[in-house]
Amino acid sequence: MPGERPLPRPLLDVYEWQDRGACRGEAAILFFEPELGHRARGKEREALAKSICRRCPVMAQCRAHGLLVEDHGIWGGLTARERVAMRGNGQRDIA
């Protein structure tokens, strides 16, 4: 009908990039550290997760998603703390 807005795209279409992530099949614990984790192991786990992100074909989409809506875990090679810092500097997209 004239003047009607189209429906938004289904969420599966919006997030289909996740199917191509280098992290598919990796253990979630690499990207989402338990709250009571050992600090040294956490740094090793973070480094491994970031190395996977660096070779990911959808890192840009993942990082943009993480900056917009994710508060936990590593998204697009950035930790939650790094994303908070970027948001504080007004960065909501990948630079």
Protein backbone atom coordinates (compact mmCIF):
# COMPACT_ATOMS: atom_id res chain seq x y z
CA MET A 1 0.00 0.00 0.00
CA PRO A 2 1.22 3.51 -0.70
CA GLY A 3 2.85 5.25 2.24
CA GLU A 4 3.46 2.05 4.22
CA ARG A 5 6.98 1.37 5.37
CA PRO A 6 8.50 -2.01 4.52
CA LEU A 7 9.14 -4.46 7.32
CA PRO A 8 12.69 -4.57 8.68
CA ARG A 9 14.95 -7.31 7.40
CA PRO A 10 14.79 -10.54 9.40
CA LEU A 11 17.47 -10.78 12.07
CA LEU A 12 18.97 -13.87 10.47
CA ASP A 13 19.78 -11.80 7.39
CA VAL A 14 21.28 -9.02 9.51
CA TYR A 15 23.59 -11.40 11.35
CA GLU A 16 24.42 -13.83 8.54
CA TRP A 17 28.02 -12.58 8.59
CA GLN A 18 28.54 -14.57 11.80
CA ASP A 19 28.37 -17.78 9.79
CA ARG A 20 31.63 -16.77 8.06
CA GLY A 21 33.53 -15.85 11.23
CA ALA A 22 36.93 -17.41 11.85
CA CYS A 23 35.69 -18.10 15.38
CA ARG A 24 33.00 -20.54 14.22
CA GLY A 25 33.71 -23.86 15.88
CA GLU A 26 36.12 -22.37 18.42
CA ALA A 27 35.42 -22.70 22.14
CA ALA A 28 33.27 -19.82 23.38
CA ILE A 29 35.48 -19.54 26.47
CA LEU A 30 38.19 -18.02 24.25
CA PHE A 31 35.97 -15.03 23.57
CA PHE A 32 33.93 -14.90 26.78
CA GLU A 33 36.14 -15.26 29.84
CA PRO A 34 34.50 -16.60 32.99
CA GLU A 35 34.08 -13.99 35.71
CA LEU A 36 36.42 -15.83 38.09
CA GLY A 37 39.19 -16.67 35.64
CA HIS A 38 42.92 -16.75 36.34
CA ARG A 39 44.40 -13.43 35.17
CA ALA A 40 47.49 -14.89 33.43
CA ARG A 41 45.42 -17.47 31.61
CA GLY A 42 42.92 -14.75 30.74
CA LYS A 43 45.63 -12.75 28.97
CA GLU A 44 46.73 -15.84 27.04
CA ARG A 45 43.13 -16.58 26.11
CA GLU A 46 42.61 -12.96 25.02
CA ALA A 47 45.74 -13.05 22.85
CA LEU A 48 44.59 -16.28 21.19
CA ALA A 49 41.10 -14.87 20.56
CA LYS A 50 42.55 -11.70 19.05
CA SER A 51 44.85 -13.75 16.79
CA ILE A 52 41.77 -15.56 15.47
CA CYS A 53 40.04 -12.21 14.92
CA ARG A 54 43.01 -10.85 12.94
CA ARG A 55 42.56 -13.53 10.27
CA CYS A 56 38.77 -13.27 10.18
CA PRO A 57 37.07 -12.33 6.90
CA VAL A 58 34.19 -10.61 8.76
CA MET A 59 36.18 -8.79 11.43
CA ALA A 60 34.86 -5.38 10.34
CA GLN A 61 31.22 -6.45 10.68
CA CYS A 62 31.94 -8.14 14.00
CA ARG A 63 33.73 -5.08 15.39
CA ALA A 64 30.95 -2.74 14.28
CA HIS A 65 28.38 -5.03 15.91
CA GLY A 66 30.43 -5.23 19.11
CA LEU A 67 30.78 -1.47 19.33
CA LEU A 68 27.05 -0.99 18.90
CA VAL A 69 25.53 -3.60 21.16
CA GLU A 70 27.90 -5.97 22.97
CA ASP A 71 29.02 -5.42 26.57
CA HIS A 72 30.88 -8.71 27.14
CA GLY A 73 33.45 -10.77 25.35
CA ILE A 74 35.78 -10.13 22.44
CA TRP A 75 34.13 -8.89 19.26
CA GLY A 76 36.10 -7.92 16.17
CA GLY A 77 39.38 -8.14 18.03
CA LEU A 78 38.32 -5.76 20.80
CA THR A 79 37.72 -6.60 24.45
CA ALA A 80 34.75 -5.21 26.33
CA ARG A 81 37.08 -2.73 28.05
CA GLU A 82 38.51 -1.56 24.71
CA ARG A 83 35.02 -1.09 23.29
CA VAL A 84 33.96 0.97 26.32
CA ALA A 85 37.00 3.20 25.81
CA MET A 86 36.20 3.64 22.11
CA ARG A 87 32.57 4.45 22.88
CA GLY A 88 33.76 7.03 25.42
CA ASN A 89 35.77 8.67 22.64
CA GLY A 90 32.69 8.80 20.42
CA GLN A 91 33.79 5.90 18.21
CA ARG A 92 30.82 3.75 17.29
CA ASP A 93 32.21 2.33 14.07
CA ILE A 94 35.45 0.80 12.94
CA ALA A 95 38.09 3.37 12.21
